[in-house]
Structure formats: C-alpha cells, structure tokens
Amino acid sequence: MTEFTVLDLKRMLETSAGDAGVDWTDVTTLGTSFEEIGYDSIALLELSALVQREYGIRIPDDTLAELPTPGTVIEYLNRRAAEV
C-alpha cells in the first residue's frame, strides 16, 4: 500500500458516512476530533469496515476508540501498512 493520505481518508469517510462539509485543506482539521467535524462513532465503524475491505488493514474497535482525530487515523494506518 502506498501512503494513506488525507485525501484517502476524505474519500472513505464521504463514501461510508456522507459529506460532513469538512474543509480538508485546513491543516487544523487533522487535529480536530471526528465528533467536532461531524462524524460520529457509527461513521468511524463504517470507515473501519471500508479500510479493511479496501486495504486489508483491520482497526480493532478498542483501537478505533483511541484514534480521536483524522491525523491519528492516518498515522495509525500508515504505521500498520509499514508493518505488512
């Protein structure tokens, strides 16, 4: 897998949970909680399922709960991809 980017995350969130009107070009978005930008825990579970289908990377539910921002999800996925 090539590096997982903010554009990948944007596409996957919009596919799985719809467009929340997030300004993904604003660098502060990466450090803002998913809840604050309009994505709830169900959206994150749907994101997790889509990541597993497309990239073969499983995000355990307890780990997902520890990834509160887009930036932490991107870092986690890139770290996991490097392990494979």
PDB file of N, CA and C in Angstrom:
ATOM      1  N   MET A   1       0.849  -1.180   0.000  1.00  0.00           N
ATOM      2  CA  MET A   1       0.000   0.000   0.000  1.00  0.00           C
ATOM      3  C   MET A   1       0.888   1.235   0.000  1.00  0.00           C
ATOM      4  N   THR A   2       0.542   2.193  -0.829  1.00  0.00           N
ATOM      5  CA  THR A   2       1.231   3.468  -0.790  1.00  0.00           C
ATOM      6  C   THR A   2       0.759   4.226   0.441  1.00  0.00           C
ATOM      7  N   GLU A   3       1.349   5.353   0.697  1.00  0.00           N
ATOM      8  CA  GLU A   3       0.994   6.118   1.893  1.00  0.00           C
ATOM      9  C   GLU A   3      -0.487   6.499   1.891  1.00  0.00           C
ATOM     10  N   PHE A   4      -1.123   6.293   3.023  1.00  0.00           N
ATOM     11  CA  PHE A   4      -2.515   6.678   3.222  1.00  0.00           C
ATOM     12  C   PHE A   4      -2.535   8.174   3.507  1.00  0.00           C
ATOM     13  N   THR A   5      -3.309   8.933   2.732  1.00  0.00           N
ATOM     14  CA  THR A   5      -3.294  10.389   2.837  1.00  0.00           C
ATOM     15  C   THR A   5      -4.631  10.940   3.324  1.00  0.00           C
ATOM     16  N   VAL A   6      -4.649  12.226   3.557  1.00  0.00           N
ATOM     17  CA  VAL A   6      -5.879  12.898   3.960  1.00  0.00           C
ATOM     18  C   VAL A   6      -6.939  12.769   2.861  1.00  0.00           C
ATOM     19  N   LEU A   7      -6.513  12.742   1.612  1.00  0.00           N
ATOM     20  CA  LEU A   7      -7.476  12.582   0.517  1.00  0.00           C
ATOM     21  C   LEU A   7      -8.104  11.195   0.531  1.00  0.00           C
ATOM     22  N   ASP A   8      -7.316  10.178   0.905  1.00  0.00           N
ATOM     23  CA  ASP A   8      -7.868   8.829   1.046  1.00  0.00           C
ATOM     24  C   ASP A   8      -8.905   8.801   2.164  1.00  0.00           C
ATOM     25  N   LEU A   9      -8.563   9.418   3.288  1.00  0.00           N
ATOM     26  CA  LEU A   9      -9.490   9.457   4.422  1.00  0.00           C
ATOM     27  C   LEU A   9     -10.769  10.201   4.050  1.00  0.00           C
ATOM     28  N   LYS A  10     -10.628  11.333   3.393  1.00  0.00           N
ATOM     29  CA  LYS A  10     -11.789  12.119   2.947  1.00  0.00           C
ATOM     30  C   LYS A  10     -12.696  11.265   2.067  1.00  0.00           C
ATOM     31  N   ARG A  11     -12.118  10.607   1.075  1.00  0.00           N
ATOM     32  CA  ARG A  11     -12.901   9.782   0.155  1.00  0.00           C
ATOM     33  C   ARG A  11     -13.631   8.673   0.901  1.00  0.00           C
ATOM     34  N   MET A  12     -12.922   8.020   1.808  1.00  0.00           N
ATOM     35  CA  MET A  12     -13.517   6.894   2.523  1.00  0.00           C
ATOM     36  C   MET A  12     -14.617   7.345   3.485  1.00  0.00           C
ATOM     37  N   LEU A  13     -14.400   8.447   4.179  1.00  0.00           N
ATOM     38  CA  LEU A  13     -15.440   8.954   5.083  1.00  0.00           C
ATOM     39  C   LEU A  13     -16.673   9.390   4.299  1.00  0.00           C
ATOM     40  N   GLU A  14     -16.459  10.075   3.192  1.00  0.00           N
ATOM     41  CA  GLU A  14     -17.601  10.525   2.401  1.00  0.00           C
ATOM     42  C   GLU A  14     -18.336   9.349   1.773  1.00  0.00           C
ATOM     43  N   THR A  15     -17.604   8.294   1.413  1.00  0.00           N
ATOM     44  CA  THR A  15     -18.230   7.093   0.858  1.00  0.00           C
ATOM     45  C   THR A  15     -19.041   6.364   1.916  1.00  0.00           C
ATOM     46  N   SER A  16     -18.458   6.225   3.101  1.00  0.00           N
ATOM     47  CA  SER A  16     -19.110   5.418   4.133  1.00  0.00           C
ATOM     48  C   SER A  16     -20.130   6.189   4.959  1.00  0.00           C
ATOM     49  N   ALA A  17     -19.923   7.493   5.141  1.00  0.00           N
ATOM     50  CA  ALA A  17     -20.788   8.226   6.065  1.00  0.00           C
ATOM     51  C   ALA A  17     -21.341   9.533   5.511  1.00  0.00           C
ATOM     52  N   GLY A  18     -21.003   9.869   4.291  1.00  0.00           N
ATOM     53  CA  GLY A  18     -21.513  11.103   3.709  1.00  0.00           C
ATOM     54  C   GLY A  18     -20.578  12.282   3.929  1.00  0.00           C
ATOM     55  N   ASP A  19     -20.864  13.352   3.236  1.00  0.00           N
ATOM     56  CA  ASP A  19     -20.054  14.562   3.308  1.00  0.00           C
ATOM     57  C   ASP A  19     -20.528  15.416   4.478  1.00  0.00           C
ATOM     58  N   ALA A  20     -19.642  15.628   5.443  1.00  0.00           N
ATOM     59  CA  ALA A  20     -19.993  16.438   6.614  1.00  0.00           C
ATOM     60  C   ALA A  20     -19.622  17.906   6.417  1.00  0.00           C
ATOM     61  N   GLY A  21     -19.202  18.262   5.207  1.00  0.00           N
ATOM     62  CA  GLY A  21     -18.850  19.648   4.935  1.00  0.00           C
ATOM     63  C   GLY A  21     -17.516  20.061   5.531  1.00  0.00           C
ATOM     64  N   VAL A  22     -16.612  19.105   5.680  1.00  0.00           N
ATOM     65  CA  VAL A  22     -15.309  19.361   6.296  1.00  0.00           C
ATOM     66  C   VAL A  22     -14.379  20.040   5.299  1.00  0.00           C
ATOM     67  N   ASP A  23     -13.642  21.043   5.761  1.00  0.00           N
ATOM     68  CA  ASP A  23     -12.608  21.674   4.940  1.00  0.00           C
ATOM     69  C   ASP A  23     -11.317  20.890   5.130  1.00  0.00           C
ATOM     70  N   TRP A  24     -11.091  19.914   4.264  1.00  0.00           N
ATOM     71  CA  TRP A  24      -9.925  19.037   4.393  1.00  0.00           C
ATOM     72  C   TRP A  24      -8.631  19.742   4.013  1.00  0.00           C
ATOM     73  N   THR A  25      -8.704  20.954   3.438  1.00  0.00           N
ATOM     74  CA  THR A  25      -7.482  21.686   3.109  1.00  0.00           C
ATOM     75  C   THR A  25      -6.954  22.454   4.318  1.00  0.00           C
ATOM     76  N   ASP A  26      -7.757  22.585   5.347  1.00  0.00           N
ATOM     77  CA  ASP A  26      -7.354  23.268   6.579  1.00  0.00           C
ATOM     78  C   ASP A  26      -6.553  22.289   7.434  1.00  0.00           C
ATOM     79  N   VAL A  27      -5.273  22.579   7.640  1.00  0.00           N
ATOM     80  CA  VAL A  27      -4.408  21.646   8.370  1.00  0.00           C
ATOM     81  C   VAL A  27      -4.868  21.409   9.803  1.00  0.00           C
ATOM     82  N   THR A  28      -5.622  22.321  10.383  1.00  0.00           N
ATOM     83  CA  THR A  28      -6.091  22.104  11.753  1.00  0.00           C
ATOM     84  C   THR A  28      -7.126  20.992  11.822  1.00  0.00           C
ATOM     85  N   THR A  29      -7.734  20.663  10.683  1.00  0.00           N
ATOM     86  CA  THR A  29      -8.721  19.582  10.644  1.00  0.00           C
ATOM     87  C   THR A  29      -8.109  18.269  11.106  1.00  0.00           C
ATOM     88  N   LEU A  30      -6.851  18.028  10.773  1.00  0.00           N
ATOM     89  CA  LEU A  30      -6.205  16.768  11.145  1.00  0.00           C
ATOM     90  C   LEU A  30      -6.140  16.575  12.654  1.00  0.00           C
ATOM     91  N   GLY A  31      -6.122  17.663  13.404  1.00  0.00           N
ATOM     92  CA  GLY A  31      -6.054  17.579  14.854  1.00  0.00           C
ATOM     93  C   GLY A  31      -7.384  17.799  15.557  1.00  0.00           C
ATOM     94  N   THR A  32      -8.445  17.938  14.794  1.00  0.00           N
ATOM     95  CA  THR A  32      -9.776  18.168  15.348  1.00  0.00           C
ATOM     96  C   THR A  32     -10.499  16.837  15.504  1.00  0.00           C
ATOM     97  N   SER A  33     -11.220  16.673  16.592  1.00  0.00           N
ATOM     98  CA  SER A  33     -11.899  15.392  16.827  1.00  0.00           C
ATOM     99  C   SER A  33     -12.939  15.129  15.742  1.00  0.00           C
ATOM    100  N   PHE A  34     -13.138  13.836  15.467  1.00  0.00           N
ATOM    101  CA  PHE A  34     -14.146  13.452  14.484  1.00  0.00           C
ATOM    102  C   PHE A  34     -15.514  13.997  14.870  1.00  0.00           C
ATOM    103  N   GLU A  35     -15.814  13.970  16.148  1.00  0.00           N
ATOM    104  CA  GLU A  35     -17.106  14.467  16.617  1.00  0.00           C
ATOM    105  C   GLU A  35     -17.280  15.943  16.260  1.00  0.00           C
ATOM    106  N   GLU A  36     -16.221  16.730  16.462  1.00  0.00           N
ATOM    107  CA  GLU A  36     -16.292  18.164  16.176  1.00  0.00           C
ATOM    108  C   GLU A  36     -16.462  18.458  14.690  1.00  0.00           C
ATOM    109  N   ILE A  37     -15.958  17.574  13.828  1.00  0.00           N
ATOM    110  CA  ILE A  37     -16.093  17.829  12.389  1.00  0.00           C
ATOM    111  C   ILE A  37     -17.307  17.131  11.781  1.00  0.00           C
ATOM    112  N   GLY A  38     -18.103  16.467  12.628  1.00  0.00           N
ATOM    113  CA  GLY A  38     -19.378  15.946  12.161  1.00  0.00           C
ATOM    114  C   GLY A  38     -19.472  14.459  11.909  1.00  0.00           C
ATOM    115  N   TYR A  39     -18.491  13.685  12.379  1.00  0.00           N
ATOM    116  CA  TYR A  39     -18.553  12.232  12.202  1.00  0.00           C
ATOM    117  C   TYR A  39     -18.659  11.555  13.562  1.00  0.00           C
ATOM    118  N   ASP A  40     -19.693  10.722  13.725  1.00  0.00           N
ATOM    119  CA  ASP A  40     -19.920  10.039  14.995  1.00  0.00           C
ATOM    120  C   ASP A  40     -19.264   8.659  15.004  1.00  0.00           C
ATOM    121  N   SER A  41     -19.470   7.924  16.085  1.00  0.00           N
ATOM    122  CA  SER A  41     -18.831   6.615  16.243  1.00  0.00           C
ATOM    123  C   SER A  41     -19.308   5.616  15.188  1.00  0.00           C
ATOM    124  N   ILE A  42     -20.529   5.732  14.748  1.00  0.00           N
ATOM    125  CA  ILE A  42     -21.024   4.827  13.702  1.00  0.00           C
ATOM    126  C   ILE A  42     -20.300   5.104  12.387  1.00  0.00           C
ATOM    127  N   ALA A  43     -20.070   6.366  12.086  1.00  0.00           N
ATOM    128  CA  ALA A  43     -19.315   6.717  10.878  1.00  0.00           C
ATOM    129  C   ALA A  43     -17.914   6.123  10.932  1.00  0.00           C
ATOM    130  N   LEU A  44     -17.311   6.131  12.119  1.00  0.00           N
ATOM    131  CA  LEU A  44     -15.963   5.580  12.259  1.00  0.00           C
ATOM    132  C   LEU A  44     -15.960   4.069  12.120  1.00  0.00           C
ATOM    133  N   LEU A  45     -17.001   3.407  12.609  1.00  0.00           N
ATOM    134  CA  LEU A  45     -17.106   1.956  12.414  1.00  0.00           C
ATOM    135  C   LEU A  45     -17.257   1.629  10.931  1.00  0.00           C
ATOM    136  N   GLU A  46     -18.022   2.431  10.226  1.00  0.00           N
ATOM    137  CA  GLU A  46     -18.178   2.234   8.786  1.00  0.00           C
ATOM    138  C   GLU A  46     -16.860   2.497   8.066  1.00  0.00           C
ATOM    139  N   LEU A  47     -16.132   3.509   8.499  1.00  0.00           N
ATOM    140  CA  LEU A  47     -14.807   3.784   7.943  1.00  0.00           C
ATOM    141  C   LEU A  47     -13.888   2.592   8.161  1.00  0.00           C
ATOM    142  N   SER A  48     -13.895   2.057   9.367  1.00  0.00           N
ATOM    143  CA  SER A  48     -13.053   0.910   9.703  1.00  0.00           C
ATOM    144  C   SER A  48     -13.348  -0.282   8.794  1.00  0.00           C
ATOM    145  N   ALA A  49     -14.619  -0.549   8.560  1.00  0.00           N
ATOM    146  CA  ALA A  49     -15.008  -1.662   7.685  1.00  0.00           C
ATOM    147  C   ALA A  49     -14.534  -1.421   6.256  1.00  0.00           C
ATOM    148  N   LEU A  50     -14.636  -0.197   5.789  1.00  0.00           N
ATOM    149  CA  LEU A  50     -14.200   0.136   4.436  1.00  0.00           C
ATOM    150  C   LEU A  50     -12.684   0.022   4.305  1.00  0.00           C
ATOM    151  N   VAL A  51     -11.959   0.466   5.314  1.00  0.00           N
ATOM    152  CA  VAL A  51     -10.494   0.336   5.312  1.00  0.00           C
ATOM    153  C   VAL A  51     -10.106  -1.133   5.224  1.00  0.00           C
ATOM    154  N   GLN A  52     -10.779  -1.968   5.985  1.00  0.00           N
ATOM    155  CA  GLN A  52     -10.458  -3.396   5.959  1.00  0.00           C
ATOM    156  C   GLN A  52     -10.751  -3.992   4.581  1.00  0.00           C
ATOM    157  N   ARG A  53     -11.864  -3.616   3.984  1.00  0.00           N
ATOM    158  CA  ARG A  53     -12.203  -4.142   2.648  1.00  0.00           C
ATOM    159  C   ARG A  53     -11.209  -3.678   1.589  1.00  0.00           C
ATOM    160  N   GLU A  54     -10.869  -2.394   1.609  1.00  0.00           N
ATOM    161  CA  GLU A  54     -10.023  -1.841   0.550  1.00  0.00           C
ATOM    162  C   GLU A  54      -8.535  -2.087   0.752  1.00  0.00           C
ATOM    163  N   TYR A  55      -8.084  -2.060   2.007  1.00  0.00           N
ATOM    164  CA  TYR A  55      -6.649  -2.138   2.269  1.00  0.00           C
ATOM    165  C   TYR A  55      -6.230  -3.382   3.036  1.00  0.00           C
ATOM    166  N   GLY A  56      -7.198  -4.130   3.540  1.00  0.00           N
ATOM    167  CA  GLY A  56      -6.868  -5.330   4.302  1.00  0.00           C
ATOM    168  C   GLY A  56      -6.293  -5.039   5.677  1.00  0.00           C
ATOM    169  N   ILE A  57      -6.481  -3.823   6.156  1.00  0.00           N
ATOM    170  CA  ILE A  57      -5.989  -3.437   7.484  1.00  0.00           C
ATOM    171  C   ILE A  57      -7.183  -3.366   8.426  1.00  0.00           C
ATOM    172  N   ARG A  58      -7.133  -4.193   9.455  1.00  0.00           N
ATOM    173  CA  ARG A  58      -8.208  -4.208  10.447  1.00  0.00           C
ATOM    174  C   ARG A  58      -7.891  -3.198  11.547  1.00  0.00           C
ATOM    175  N   ILE A  59      -8.872  -2.402  11.908  1.00  0.00           N
ATOM    176  CA  ILE A  59      -8.738  -1.492  13.047  1.00  0.00           C
ATOM    177  C   ILE A  59      -9.651  -2.038  14.136  1.00  0.00           C
ATOM    178  N   PRO A  60      -9.082  -2.664  15.169  1.00  0.00           N
ATOM    179  CA  PRO A  60      -9.918  -3.186  16.255  1.00  0.00           C
ATOM    180  C   PRO A  60     -10.748  -2.059  16.885  1.00  0.00           C
ATOM    181  N   ASP A  61     -11.948  -2.404  17.350  1.00  0.00           N
ATOM    182  CA  ASP A  61     -12.845  -1.394  17.921  1.00  0.00           C
ATOM    183  C   ASP A  61     -12.199  -0.620  19.064  1.00  0.00           C
ATOM    184  N   ASP A  62     -11.447  -1.316  19.939  1.00  0.00           N
ATOM    185  CA  ASP A  62     -10.819  -0.609  21.058  1.00  0.00           C
ATOM    186  C   ASP A  62      -9.736   0.348  20.564  1.00  0.00           C
ATOM    187  N   THR A  63      -9.052  -0.009  19.490  1.00  0.00           N
ATOM    188  CA  THR A  63      -8.051   0.881  18.905  1.00  0.00           C
ATOM    189  C   THR A  63      -8.734   2.070  18.248  1.00  0.00           C
ATOM    190  N   LEU A  64      -9.824   1.816  17.550  1.00  0.00           N
ATOM    191  CA  LEU A  64     -10.560   2.890  16.887  1.00  0.00           C
ATOM    192  C   LEU A  64     -10.985   3.957  17.890  1.00  0.00           C
ATOM    193  N   ALA A  65     -11.373   3.531  19.072  1.00  0.00           N
ATOM    194  CA  ALA A  65     -11.778   4.471  20.124  1.00  0.00           C
ATOM    195  C   ALA A  65     -10.614   5.342  20.591  1.00  0.00           C
ATOM    196  N   GLU A  66      -9.388   4.875  20.364  1.00  0.00           N
ATOM    197  CA  GLU A  66      -8.195   5.625  20.772  1.00  0.00           C
ATOM    198  C   GLU A  66      -7.643   6.499  19.647  1.00  0.00           C
ATOM    199  N   LEU A  67      -8.360   6.582  18.540  1.00  0.00           N
ATOM    200  CA  LEU A  67      -7.947   7.392  17.394  1.00  0.00           C
ATOM    201  C   LEU A  67      -8.978   8.504  17.197  1.00  0.00           C
ATOM    202  N   PRO A  68      -8.868   9.578  17.988  1.00  0.00           N
ATOM    203  CA  PRO A  68      -9.933  10.580  18.020  1.00  0.00           C
ATOM    204  C   PRO A  68      -9.946  11.597  16.878  1.00  0.00           C
ATOM    205  N   THR A  69      -8.867  11.649  16.090  1.00  0.00           N
ATOM    206  CA  THR A  69      -8.779  12.680  15.055  1.00  0.00           C
ATOM    207  C   THR A  69      -8.394  12.074  13.706  1.00  0.00           C
ATOM    208  N   PRO A  70      -8.646  12.796  12.632  1.00  0.00           N
ATOM    209  CA  PRO A  70      -8.206  12.314  11.325  1.00  0.00           C
ATOM    210  C   PRO A  70      -6.696  12.054  11.274  1.00  0.00           C
ATOM    211  N   GLY A  71      -5.931  12.925  11.895  1.00  0.00           N
ATOM    212  CA  GLY A  71      -4.477  12.751  11.892  1.00  0.00           C
ATOM    213  C   GLY A  71      -4.036  11.465  12.558  1.00  0.00           C
ATOM    214  N   THR A  72      -4.683  11.101  13.665  1.00  0.00           N
ATOM    215  CA  THR A  72      -4.289   9.867  14.352  1.00  0.00           C
ATOM    216  C   THR A  72      -4.673   8.637  13.542  1.00  0.00           C
ATOM    217  N   VAL A  73      -5.779   8.698  12.814  1.00  0.00           N
ATOM    218  CA  VAL A  73      -6.169   7.569  11.958  1.00  0.00           C
ATOM    219  C   VAL A  73      -5.167   7.409  10.818  1.00  0.00           C
ATOM    220  N   ILE A  74      -4.795   8.502  10.186  1.00  0.00           N
ATOM    221  CA  ILE A  74      -3.827   8.444   9.086  1.00  0.00           C
ATOM    222  C   ILE A  74      -2.496   7.883   9.578  1.00  0.00           C
ATOM    223  N   GLU A  75      -2.015   8.368  10.723  1.00  0.00           N
ATOM    224  CA  GLU A  75      -0.759   7.857  11.286  1.00  0.00           C
ATOM    225  C   GLU A  75      -0.853   6.365  11.578  1.00  0.00           C
ATOM    226  N   TYR A  76      -1.951   5.937  12.176  1.00  0.00           N
ATOM    227  CA  TYR A  76      -2.142   4.526  12.511  1.00  0.00           C
ATOM    228  C   TYR A  76      -2.116   3.665  11.250  1.00  0.00           C
ATOM    229  N   LEU A  77      -2.859   4.067  10.232  1.00  0.00           N
ATOM    230  CA  LEU A  77      -2.926   3.267   9.007  1.00  0.00           C
ATOM    231  C   LEU A  77      -1.573   3.196   8.304  1.00  0.00           C
ATOM    232  N   ASN A  78      -0.843   4.289   8.284  1.00  0.00           N
ATOM    233  CA  ASN A  78       0.485   4.263   7.661  1.00  0.00           C
ATOM    234  C   ASN A  78       1.458   3.397   8.457  1.00  0.00           C
ATOM    235  N   ARG A  79       1.361   3.439   9.768  1.00  0.00           N
ATOM    236  CA  ARG A  79       2.210   2.588  10.613  1.00  0.00           C
ATOM    237  C   ARG A  79       1.881   1.112  10.384  1.00  0.00           C
ATOM    238  N   ARG A  80       0.606   0.784  10.357  1.00  0.00           N
ATOM    239  CA  ARG A  80       0.182  -0.607  10.120  1.00  0.00           C
ATOM    240  C   ARG A  80       0.591  -1.083   8.730  1.00  0.00           C
ATOM    241  N   ALA A  81       0.457  -0.221   7.732  1.00  0.00           N
ATOM    242  CA  ALA A  81       0.832  -0.593   6.362  1.00  0.00           C
ATOM    243  C   ALA A  81       2.324  -0.889   6.269  1.00  0.00           C
ATOM    244  N   ALA A  82       3.124  -0.159   7.023  1.00  0.00           N
ATOM    245  CA  ALA A  82       4.575  -0.373   7.009  1.00  0.00           C
ATOM    246  C   ALA A  82       4.948  -1.703   7.649  1.00  0.00           C
ATOM    247  N   GLU A  83       4.103  -2.209   8.540  1.00  0.00           N
ATOM    248  CA  GLU A  83       4.366  -3.481   9.218  1.00  0.00           C
ATOM    249  C   GLU A  83       4.103  -4.676   8.315  1.00  0.00           C
ATOM    250  N   VAL A  84       3.284  -4.498   7.312  1.00  0.00           N
ATOM    251  CA  VAL A  84       2.872  -5.616   6.448  1.00  0.00           C
ATOM    252  C   VAL A  84       3.940  -5.947   5.434  1.00  0.00           C
TER     253      VAL A  84
END
